């Protein structure tokens, strides 16, 4: 919250994970009642997909879902 006559400043901070970083669900959150739904994935693979030509036609909120659908769900 800004008060007074000062000009507000904003700064954009972006994070890109180190190449080779694997995104996965923490093991303590996975059990018989809450199985892992998707395979672990390499962040850079997703990042490159998100800016690829096929992904340009997908709503940004749906890109992770689209990427995950490229990798079949984990079978139980």
C-alpha atoms as a PDB file:
ATOM      1  CA  UNK A   1       0.000   0.000   0.000  1.00  0.00           C
ATOM      2  CA  UNK A   2       1.338   3.416  -0.958  1.00  0.00           C
ATOM      3  CA  UNK A   3       0.728   6.523   1.119  1.00  0.00           C
ATOM      4  CA  UNK A   4       1.652  10.148   0.575  1.00  0.00           C
ATOM      5  CA  UNK A   5       2.829  11.974  -2.487  1.00  0.00           C
ATOM      6  CA  UNK A   6       5.673   9.622  -3.474  1.00  0.00           C
ATOM      7  CA  UNK A   7       5.656   8.024  -6.905  1.00  0.00           C
ATOM      8  CA  UNK A   8       5.073   4.266  -6.822  1.00  0.00           C
ATOM      9  CA  UNK A   9       7.770   2.051  -8.314  1.00  0.00           C
ATOM     10  CA  UNK A  10       7.351  -1.486  -9.528  1.00  0.00           C
ATOM     11  CA  UNK A  11       9.940  -3.998 -10.567  1.00  0.00           C
ATOM     12  CA  UNK A  12       9.535  -7.130 -12.646  1.00  0.00           C
ATOM     13  CA  UNK A  13      11.343 -10.149 -11.288  1.00  0.00           C
ATOM     14  CA  UNK A  14      11.520 -13.259 -13.427  1.00  0.00           C
ATOM     15  CA  UNK A  15      12.943 -16.628 -12.512  1.00  0.00           C
ATOM     16  CA  UNK A  16      14.137 -19.248 -14.941  1.00  0.00           C
ATOM     17  CA  UNK A  17      15.284 -22.452 -13.358  1.00  0.00           C
ATOM     18  CA  UNK A  18      18.677 -23.955 -14.077  1.00  0.00           C
ATOM     19  CA  UNK A  19      18.744 -26.226 -17.113  1.00  0.00           C
ATOM     20  CA  UNK A  20      18.124 -29.816 -16.073  1.00  0.00           C
ATOM     21  CA  UNK A  21      15.800 -28.897 -13.184  1.00  0.00           C
ATOM     22  CA  UNK A  22      13.120 -31.558 -12.830  1.00  0.00           C
ATOM     23  CA  UNK A  23       9.661 -30.485 -11.663  1.00  0.00           C
ATOM     24  CA  UNK A  24       7.984 -33.128  -9.544  1.00  0.00           C
ATOM     25  CA  UNK A  25       5.459 -33.506  -6.784  1.00  0.00           C
ATOM     26  CA  UNK A  26       6.990 -33.821  -3.317  1.00  0.00           C
ATOM     27  CA  UNK A  27       6.940 -37.477  -2.280  1.00  0.00           C
ATOM     28  CA  UNK A  28       5.253 -36.616   1.043  1.00  0.00           C
ATOM     29  CA  UNK A  29       2.203 -35.381  -0.909  1.00  0.00           C
ATOM     30  CA  UNK A  30       1.774 -38.637  -2.823  1.00  0.00           C
ATOM     31  CA  UNK A  31       0.023 -41.632  -1.304  1.00  0.00           C
ATOM     32  CA  UNK A  32      -2.678 -44.183  -2.166  1.00  0.00           C
ATOM     33  CA  UNK A  33      -5.451 -41.596  -1.759  1.00  0.00           C
ATOM     34  CA  UNK A  34      -3.516 -38.912  -3.661  1.00  0.00           C
ATOM     35  CA  UNK A  35      -1.583 -40.630  -6.463  1.00  0.00           C
ATOM     36  CA  UNK A  36       0.868 -38.839  -8.718  1.00  0.00           C
ATOM     37  CA  UNK A  37      -1.066 -37.862 -11.847  1.00  0.00           C
ATOM     38  CA  UNK A  38       1.732 -36.857 -14.219  1.00  0.00           C
ATOM     39  CA  UNK A  39       5.314 -37.835 -14.752  1.00  0.00           C
ATOM     40  CA  UNK A  40       8.097 -35.583 -13.514  1.00  0.00           C
ATOM     41  CA  UNK A  41       9.248 -33.200 -16.253  1.00  0.00           C
ATOM     42  CA  UNK A  42      12.258 -31.123 -17.203  1.00  0.00           C
ATOM     43  CA  UNK A  43      11.505 -27.423 -16.722  1.00  0.00           C
ATOM     44  CA  UNK A  44      13.503 -26.376 -19.803  1.00  0.00           C
ATOM     45  CA  UNK A  45      11.460 -28.758 -21.980  1.00  0.00           C
ATOM     46  CA  UNK A  46       8.291 -27.046 -20.755  1.00  0.00           C
ATOM     47  CA  UNK A  47       9.812 -23.574 -21.142  1.00  0.00           C
ATOM     48  CA  UNK A  48      10.781 -24.271 -24.749  1.00  0.00           C
ATOM     49  CA  UNK A  49       7.335 -25.768 -25.426  1.00  0.00           C
ATOM     50  CA  UNK A  50       5.598 -22.708 -23.925  1.00  0.00           C
ATOM     51  CA  UNK A  51       7.235 -20.485 -26.545  1.00  0.00           C
ATOM     52  CA  UNK A  52       6.956 -22.904 -29.460  1.00  0.00           C
ATOM     53  CA  UNK A  53       4.672 -22.403 -32.468  1.00  0.00           C
ATOM     54  CA  UNK A  54       2.118 -25.030 -31.345  1.00  0.00           C
ATOM     55  CA  UNK A  55       1.871 -23.448 -27.900  1.00  0.00           C
ATOM     56  CA  UNK A  56       1.246 -19.957 -29.310  1.00  0.00           C
ATOM     57  CA  UNK A  57      -2.310 -21.043 -30.107  1.00  0.00           C
ATOM     58  CA  UNK A  58      -2.993 -22.257 -26.563  1.00  0.00           C
ATOM     59  CA  UNK A  59      -4.233 -19.955 -23.818  1.00  0.00           C
ATOM     60  CA  UNK A  60      -1.311 -19.296 -21.448  1.00  0.00           C
ATOM     61  CA  UNK A  61      -3.294 -20.694 -18.522  1.00  0.00           C
ATOM     62  CA  UNK A  62      -3.650 -23.985 -20.386  1.00  0.00           C
ATOM     63  CA  UNK A  63      -0.037 -24.413 -21.559  1.00  0.00           C
ATOM     64  CA  UNK A  64       1.072 -26.533 -18.604  1.00  0.00           C
ATOM     65  CA  UNK A  65      -1.976 -28.777 -19.025  1.00  0.00           C
ATOM     66  CA  UNK A  66      -1.244 -29.103 -22.755  1.00  0.00           C
ATOM     67  CA  UNK A  67       2.417 -29.903 -22.073  1.00  0.00           C
ATOM     68  CA  UNK A  68       1.473 -32.453 -19.415  1.00  0.00           C
ATOM     69  CA  UNK A  69      -0.902 -34.132 -21.856  1.00  0.00           C
ATOM     70  CA  UNK A  70       2.069 -34.814 -24.141  1.00  0.00           C
ATOM     71  CA  UNK A  71       3.391 -37.116 -21.443  1.00  0.00           C
ATOM     72  CA  UNK A  72       0.931 -39.879 -20.587  1.00  0.00           C
ATOM     73  CA  UNK A  73      -0.401 -40.080 -17.023  1.00  0.00           C
ATOM     74  CA  UNK A  74       1.328 -42.438 -14.668  1.00  0.00           C
ATOM     75  CA  UNK A  75      -0.480 -45.757 -14.606  1.00  0.00           C
ATOM     76  CA  UNK A  76      -1.304 -47.252 -11.217  1.00  0.00           C
END
